[in-house]
Amino acid sequence: MTLEEKIAHLQTTSMEEARAEGNAIIDTYREALEKVLQDHKEEALRQSETRIKAETVSAKQQLNQAMARSQLELKRRQGKVQLELKDKIFNEVNDLVNKFMETEAYEDYLIKCIQKAISFAAGDPMVIYINPSDETRRSDLEDATGTRLTVSAEDFTGGIRAVIRNRNILIDNSFKTALRNEYDKFIFLGGDGVA
């Protein structure tokens, strides 16, 4: 083999080795880059899944808050309407009470209340009050019950109040107290019997 052939062979061999080394380096870099790319894709996928979960939780919380606000507003409106209806009902009841107070049945009711109070007092001194609007009935009531009556300074709508001082007892058969107690206890029941 001639020198030129040896040089050409050396050159060819060197070039092949250089190409093989270059290809090996490129393959190593390609594998490393593909690994980096794969890791990056996996990390990006994890981050997007985490973000989707966080956004889903946030959306559910916002929905729950909106629903809670709506329910509170509904309850507030319902309460307002119920209060308006309750007031309307009790205004009608007051009108009915006032009409009842113009009847003979009301005077009979007063007589029964006075007699019950006298019976309850069992001889203890007692002051029986009638409403100022019933002052015109005073003498008829006193004649019917045989007891002295006092016209109250306070308007308690109708009925009677009696005080037995030595026993610290108030007998309150006034319409004002009865109506207030009923108003305070009155609630609207839902269709299922639940308030």
C-alpha atoms as a PDB file:
ATOM      1  CA  MET A   1       0.000   0.000   0.000  1.00  0.00           C
ATOM      2  CA  THR A   2       1.291   3.295  -0.999  1.00  0.00           C
ATOM      3  CA  LEU A   3       1.532   6.264   1.181  1.00  0.00           C
ATOM      4  CA  GLU A   4      -1.270   7.908  -0.620  1.00  0.00           C
ATOM      5  CA  GLU A   5      -3.411   4.891  -0.176  1.00  0.00           C
ATOM      6  CA  LYS A   6      -2.488   4.765   3.490  1.00  0.00           C
ATOM      7  CA  ILE A   7      -3.367   8.453   3.887  1.00  0.00           C
ATOM      8  CA  ALA A   8      -6.625   7.957   1.994  1.00  0.00           C
ATOM      9  CA  HIS A   9      -7.382   4.917   4.144  1.00  0.00           C
ATOM     10  CA  LEU A  10      -6.469   6.812   7.306  1.00  0.00           C
ATOM     11  CA  GLN A  11      -8.556   9.727   6.141  1.00  0.00           C
ATOM     12  CA  THR A  12     -11.512   7.472   5.369  1.00  0.00           C
ATOM     13  CA  THR A  13     -11.171   5.639   8.656  1.00  0.00           C
ATOM     14  CA  SER A  14     -10.813   8.880  10.587  1.00  0.00           C
ATOM     15  CA  MET A  15     -13.851  10.332   8.823  1.00  0.00           C
ATOM     16  CA  GLU A  16     -15.872   7.233   9.571  1.00  0.00           C
ATOM     17  CA  GLU A  17     -14.839   7.317  13.211  1.00  0.00           C
ATOM     18  CA  ALA A  18     -15.598  11.064  13.395  1.00  0.00           C
ATOM     19  CA  ARG A  19     -18.993  10.464  11.758  1.00  0.00           C
ATOM     20  CA  ALA A  20     -19.701   7.589  14.139  1.00  0.00           C
ATOM     21  CA  GLU A  21     -18.684   9.732  17.133  1.00  0.00           C
ATOM     22  CA  GLY A  22     -20.701  12.676  15.799  1.00  0.00           C
ATOM     23  CA  ASN A  23     -23.717  10.434  15.229  1.00  0.00           C
ATOM     24  CA  ALA A  24     -23.327   8.989  18.725  1.00  0.00           C
ATOM     25  CA  ILE A  25     -23.116  12.505  20.213  1.00  0.00           C
ATOM     26  CA  ILE A  26     -26.146  13.613  18.185  1.00  0.00           C
ATOM     27  CA  ASP A  27     -28.078  10.489  19.245  1.00  0.00           C
ATOM     28  CA  THR A  28     -27.155  11.151  22.895  1.00  0.00           C
ATOM     29  CA  TYR A  29     -28.272  14.788  22.609  1.00  0.00           C
ATOM     30  CA  ARG A  30     -31.438  13.746  20.782  1.00  0.00           C
ATOM     31  CA  GLU A  31     -32.265  11.220  23.540  1.00  0.00           C
ATOM     32  CA  ALA A  32     -31.514  13.837  26.207  1.00  0.00           C
ATOM     33  CA  LEU A  33     -33.680  16.427  24.431  1.00  0.00           C
ATOM     34  CA  GLU A  34     -36.497  13.915  23.930  1.00  0.00           C
ATOM     35  CA  LYS A  35     -36.293  13.070  27.654  1.00  0.00           C
ATOM     36  CA  VAL A  36     -36.410  16.785  28.536  1.00  0.00           C
ATOM     37  CA  LEU A  37     -39.352  17.233  26.152  1.00  0.00           C
ATOM     38  CA  GLN A  38     -41.171  14.226  27.637  1.00  0.00           C
ATOM     39  CA  ASP A  39     -40.530  15.488  31.201  1.00  0.00           C
ATOM     40  CA  HIS A  40     -41.761  18.956  30.170  1.00  0.00           C
ATOM     41  CA  LYS A  41     -44.932  17.489  28.629  1.00  0.00           C
ATOM     42  CA  GLU A  42     -45.631  15.428  31.772  1.00  0.00           C
ATOM     43  CA  GLU A  43     -45.043  18.459  34.023  1.00  0.00           C
ATOM     44  CA  ALA A  44     -47.262  20.655  31.833  1.00  0.00           C
ATOM     45  CA  LEU A  45     -49.990  17.982  31.924  1.00  0.00           C
ATOM     46  CA  ARG A  46     -49.736  17.721  35.748  1.00  0.00           C
ATOM     47  CA  GLN A  47     -49.906  21.499  36.076  1.00  0.00           C
ATOM     48  CA  SER A  48     -52.922  21.716  33.763  1.00  0.00           C
ATOM     49  CA  GLU A  49     -54.717  18.939  35.677  1.00  0.00           C
ATOM     50  CA  THR A  50     -53.962  20.690  38.971  1.00  0.00           C
ATOM     51  CA  ARG A  51     -55.216  23.978  37.556  1.00  0.00           C
ATOM     52  CA  ILE A  52     -58.381  22.333  36.216  1.00  0.00           C
ATOM     53  CA  LYS A  53     -59.045  20.802  39.644  1.00  0.00           C
ATOM     54  CA  ALA A  54     -58.453  24.149  41.365  1.00  0.00           C
ATOM     55  CA  GLU A  55     -60.711  25.981  38.893  1.00  0.00           C
ATOM     56  CA  THR A  56     -63.391  23.313  39.314  1.00  0.00           C
ATOM     57  CA  VAL A  57     -63.278  23.679  43.112  1.00  0.00           C
ATOM     58  CA  SER A  58     -63.388  27.466  42.767  1.00  0.00           C
ATOM     59  CA  ALA A  59     -66.347  27.284  40.370  1.00  0.00           C
ATOM     60  CA  LYS A  60     -68.230  24.964  42.756  1.00  0.00           C
ATOM     61  CA  GLN A  61     -67.552  27.321  45.666  1.00  0.00           C
ATOM     62  CA  GLN A  62     -68.788  30.291  43.660  1.00  0.00           C
ATOM     63  CA  LEU A  63     -71.889  28.350  42.660  1.00  0.00           C
ATOM     64  CA  ASN A  64     -72.539  27.351  46.279  1.00  0.00           C
ATOM     65  CA  GLN A  65     -72.099  30.950  47.424  1.00  0.00           C
ATOM     66  CA  ALA A  66     -74.479  32.181  44.724  1.00  0.00           C
ATOM     67  CA  MET A  67     -77.024  29.531  45.725  1.00  0.00           C
ATOM     68  CA  ALA A  68     -76.681  30.457  49.408  1.00  0.00           C
ATOM     69  CA  ARG A  69     -77.194  34.150  48.582  1.00  0.00           C
ATOM     70  CA  SER A  70     -80.244  33.283  46.486  1.00  0.00           C
ATOM     71  CA  GLN A  71     -81.703  31.127  49.240  1.00  0.00           C
ATOM     72  CA  LEU A  72     -81.159  33.900  51.801  1.00  0.00           C
ATOM     73  CA  GLU A  73     -82.816  36.417  49.492  1.00  0.00           C
ATOM     74  CA  LEU A  74     -85.724  34.031  48.943  1.00  0.00           C
ATOM     75  CA  LYS A  75     -86.127  33.506  52.688  1.00  0.00           C
ATOM     76  CA  ARG A  76     -85.953  37.260  53.275  1.00  0.00           C
ATOM     77  CA  ARG A  77     -88.654  37.874  50.657  1.00  0.00           C
ATOM     78  CA  GLN A  78     -90.756  35.021  52.019  1.00  0.00           C
ATOM     79  CA  GLY A  79     -90.419  36.410  55.540  1.00  0.00           C
ATOM     80  CA  LYS A  80     -91.425  39.871  54.340  1.00  0.00           C
ATOM     81  CA  VAL A  81     -94.485  38.535  52.513  1.00  0.00           C
ATOM     82  CA  GLN A  82     -95.438  36.383  55.501  1.00  0.00           C
ATOM     83  CA  LEU A  83     -95.124  39.378  57.835  1.00  0.00           C
ATOM     84  CA  GLU A  84     -97.322  41.460  55.505  1.00  0.00           C
ATOM     85  CA  LEU A  85     -99.912  38.665  55.401  1.00  0.00           C
ATOM     86  CA  LYS A  86     -99.705  38.208  59.172  1.00  0.00           C
ATOM     87  CA  ASP A  87    -100.268  41.936  59.707  1.00  0.00           C
ATOM     88  CA  LYS A  88    -103.183  41.864  57.271  1.00  0.00           C
ATOM     89  CA  ILE A  89    -104.744  38.879  59.061  1.00  0.00           C
ATOM     90  CA  PHE A  90    -104.395  40.508  62.460  1.00  0.00           C
ATOM     91  CA  ASN A  91    -105.808  43.800  61.167  1.00  0.00           C
ATOM     92  CA  GLU A  92    -108.845  41.807  60.062  1.00  0.00           C
ATOM     93  CA  VAL A  93    -108.944  40.104  63.472  1.00  0.00           C
ATOM     94  CA  ASN A  94    -108.856  43.529  65.165  1.00  0.00           C
ATOM     95  CA  ASP A  95    -111.791  44.601  63.007  1.00  0.00           C
ATOM     96  CA  LEU A  96    -113.685  41.454  64.012  1.00  0.00           C
ATOM     97  CA  VAL A  97    -112.885  42.087  67.690  1.00  0.00           C
ATOM     98  CA  ASN A  98    -114.153  45.656  67.386  1.00  0.00           C
ATOM     99  CA  LYS A  99    -117.385  44.382  65.772  1.00  0.00           C
ATOM    100  CA  PHE A 100    -117.730  41.758  68.522  1.00  0.00           C
ATOM    101  CA  MET A 101    -117.359  44.491  71.149  1.00  0.00           C
ATOM    102  CA  GLU A 102    -120.505  46.135  69.770  1.00  0.00           C
ATOM    103  CA  THR A 103    -122.666  43.047  70.420  1.00  0.00           C
ATOM    104  CA  GLU A 104    -124.595  41.778  73.448  1.00  0.00           C
ATOM    105  CA  ALA A 105    -122.415  38.664  73.357  1.00  0.00           C
ATOM    106  CA  TYR A 106    -119.457  40.883  74.316  1.00  0.00           C
ATOM    107  CA  GLU A 107    -121.295  42.157  77.384  1.00  0.00           C
ATOM    108  CA  ASP A 108    -122.094  38.543  78.328  1.00  0.00           C
ATOM    109  CA  TYR A 109    -118.402  37.726  77.859  1.00  0.00           C
ATOM    110  CA  LEU A 110    -117.413  40.572  80.206  1.00  0.00           C
ATOM    111  CA  ILE A 111    -119.875  39.368  82.839  1.00  0.00           C
ATOM    112  CA  LYS A 112    -118.443  35.817  82.653  1.00  0.00           C
ATOM    113  CA  CYS A 113    -114.858  37.123  82.945  1.00  0.00           C
ATOM    114  CA  ILE A 114    -115.774  39.269  85.963  1.00  0.00           C
ATOM    115  CA  GLN A 115    -117.557  36.351  87.643  1.00  0.00           C
ATOM    116  CA  LYS A 116    -114.578  34.039  87.052  1.00  0.00           C
ATOM    117  CA  ALA A 117    -112.214  36.653  88.542  1.00  0.00           C
ATOM    118  CA  ILE A 118    -114.458  37.040  91.612  1.00  0.00           C
ATOM    119  CA  SER A 119    -114.590  33.277  92.017  1.00  0.00           C
ATOM    120  CA  PHE A 120    -110.809  32.979  91.666  1.00  0.00           C
ATOM    121  CA  ALA A 121    -110.193  35.742  94.245  1.00  0.00           C
ATOM    122  CA  ALA A 122    -112.217  33.729  96.771  1.00  0.00           C
ATOM    123  CA  GLY A 123    -113.032  36.759  98.890  1.00  0.00           C
ATOM    124  CA  ASP A 124    -109.596  38.442  98.686  1.00  0.00           C
ATOM    125  CA  PRO A 125    -109.754  42.160  97.897  1.00  0.00           C
ATOM    126  CA  MET A 126    -109.457  42.748  94.189  1.00  0.00           C
ATOM    127  CA  VAL A 127    -109.612  45.604  91.680  1.00  0.00           C
ATOM    128  CA  ILE A 128    -111.327  44.776  88.399  1.00  0.00           C
ATOM    129  CA  TYR A 129    -110.540  47.033  85.459  1.00  0.00           C
ATOM    130  CA  ILE A 130    -112.639  47.498  82.365  1.00  0.00           C
ATOM    131  CA  ASN A 131    -111.426  49.136  79.176  1.00  0.00           C
ATOM    132  CA  PRO A 132    -112.081  52.894  78.762  1.00  0.00           C
ATOM    133  CA  SER A 133    -114.229  52.101  75.705  1.00  0.00           C
ATOM    134  CA  ASP A 134    -116.542  50.058  77.978  1.00  0.00           C
ATOM    135  CA  GLU A 135    -117.210  52.912  80.448  1.00  0.00           C
ATOM    136  CA  THR A 136    -120.800  53.231  79.205  1.00  0.00           C
ATOM    137  CA  ARG A 137    -121.398  49.570  80.180  1.00  0.00           C
ATOM    138  CA  ARG A 138    -119.975  50.040  83.673  1.00  0.00           C
ATOM    139  CA  SER A 139    -123.216  50.405  85.628  1.00  0.00           C
ATOM    140  CA  ASP A 140    -124.911  47.500  83.779  1.00  0.00           C
ATOM    141  CA  LEU A 141    -121.866  45.287  84.432  1.00  0.00           C
ATOM    142  CA  GLU A 142    -121.737  46.300  88.114  1.00  0.00           C
ATOM    143  CA  ASP A 143    -125.468  45.511  88.465  1.00  0.00           C
ATOM    144  CA  ALA A 144    -125.045  42.145  86.703  1.00  0.00           C
ATOM    145  CA  THR A 145    -122.000  41.074  88.763  1.00  0.00           C
ATOM    146  CA  GLY A 146    -122.635  42.835  92.064  1.00  0.00           C
ATOM    147  CA  THR A 147    -119.110  44.237  92.207  1.00  0.00           C
ATOM    148  CA  ARG A 148    -117.485  47.616  91.806  1.00  0.00           C
ATOM    149  CA  LEU A 149    -115.528  48.112  88.570  1.00  0.00           C
ATOM    150  CA  THR A 150    -112.727  50.563  87.770  1.00  0.00           C
ATOM    151  CA  VAL A 151    -112.199  52.131  84.361  1.00  0.00           C
ATOM    152  CA  SER A 152    -108.583  51.587  83.366  1.00  0.00           C
ATOM    153  CA  ALA A 153    -106.365  54.524  82.447  1.00  0.00           C
ATOM    154  CA  GLU A 154    -104.750  52.277  79.846  1.00  0.00           C
ATOM    155  CA  ASP A 155    -106.603  51.165  76.731  1.00  0.00           C
ATOM    156  CA  PHE A 156    -106.285  47.380  76.549  1.00  0.00           C
ATOM    157  CA  THR A 157    -108.711  47.081  73.598  1.00  0.00           C
ATOM    158  CA  GLY A 158    -111.415  45.168  75.485  1.00  0.00           C
ATOM    159  CA  GLY A 159    -112.022  42.437  78.035  1.00  0.00           C
ATOM    160  CA  ILE A 160    -111.043  42.871  81.691  1.00  0.00           C
ATOM    161  CA  ARG A 161    -108.025  42.922  83.920  1.00  0.00           C
ATOM    162  CA  ALA A 162    -108.146  42.165  87.629  1.00  0.00           C
ATOM    163  CA  VAL A 163    -105.482  42.645  90.304  1.00  0.00           C
ATOM    164  CA  ILE A 164    -105.369  40.722  93.597  1.00  0.00           C
ATOM    165  CA  ARG A 165    -102.661  42.721  95.340  1.00  0.00           C
ATOM    166  CA  ASN A 166    -102.168  40.640  98.496  1.00  0.00           C
ATOM    167  CA  ARG A 167    -101.364  37.597  96.279  1.00  0.00           C
ATOM    168  CA  ASN A 168     -99.528  39.580  93.537  1.00  0.00           C
ATOM    169  CA  ILE A 169    -101.826  38.183  90.873  1.00  0.00           C
ATOM    170  CA  LEU A 170    -102.864  39.825  87.625  1.00  0.00           C
ATOM    171  CA  ILE A 171    -105.758  38.235  85.786  1.00  0.00           C
ATOM    172  CA  ASP A 172    -105.390  39.492  82.239  1.00  0.00           C
ATOM    173  CA  ASN A 173    -108.389  38.723  80.057  1.00  0.00           C
ATOM    174  CA  SER A 174    -107.738  41.731  77.843  1.00  0.00           C
ATOM    175  CA  PHE A 175    -108.060  41.465  74.085  1.00  0.00           C
ATOM    176  CA  LYS A 176    -104.834  43.456  73.640  1.00  0.00           C
ATOM    177  CA  THR A 177    -102.781  40.835  75.511  1.00  0.00           C
ATOM    178  CA  ALA A 178    -104.582  37.912  73.863  1.00  0.00           C
ATOM    179  CA  LEU A 179    -104.053  39.379  70.393  1.00  0.00           C
ATOM    180  CA  ARG A 180    -100.381  40.173  71.094  1.00  0.00           C
ATOM    181  CA  ASN A 181     -99.795  36.616  72.372  1.00  0.00           C
ATOM    182  CA  GLU A 182    -101.470  35.123  69.312  1.00  0.00           C
ATOM    183  CA  TYR A 183     -99.532  37.460  67.016  1.00  0.00           C
ATOM    184  CA  ASP A 184     -96.238  36.411  68.632  1.00  0.00           C
ATOM    185  CA  LYS A 185     -97.087  32.689  68.382  1.00  0.00           C
ATOM    186  CA  PHE A 186     -98.517  32.852  64.856  1.00  0.00           C
ATOM    187  CA  ILE A 187     -96.406  31.234  62.147  1.00  0.00           C
ATOM    188  CA  PHE A 188     -97.194  30.152  58.623  1.00  0.00           C
ATOM    189  CA  LEU A 189     -96.826  26.437  58.115  1.00  0.00           C
ATOM    190  CA  GLY A 190     -95.572  25.161  54.782  1.00  0.00           C
ATOM    191  CA  GLY A 191     -97.537  22.674  52.714  1.00  0.00           C
ATOM    192  CA  ASP A 192     -95.749  19.842  54.521  1.00  0.00           C
ATOM    193  CA  GLY A 193     -96.673  21.144  57.978  1.00  0.00           C
ATOM    194  CA  VAL A 194     -93.201  22.553  58.544  1.00  0.00           C
ATOM    195  CA  ALA A 195     -92.747  26.210  59.466  1.00  0.00           C
END
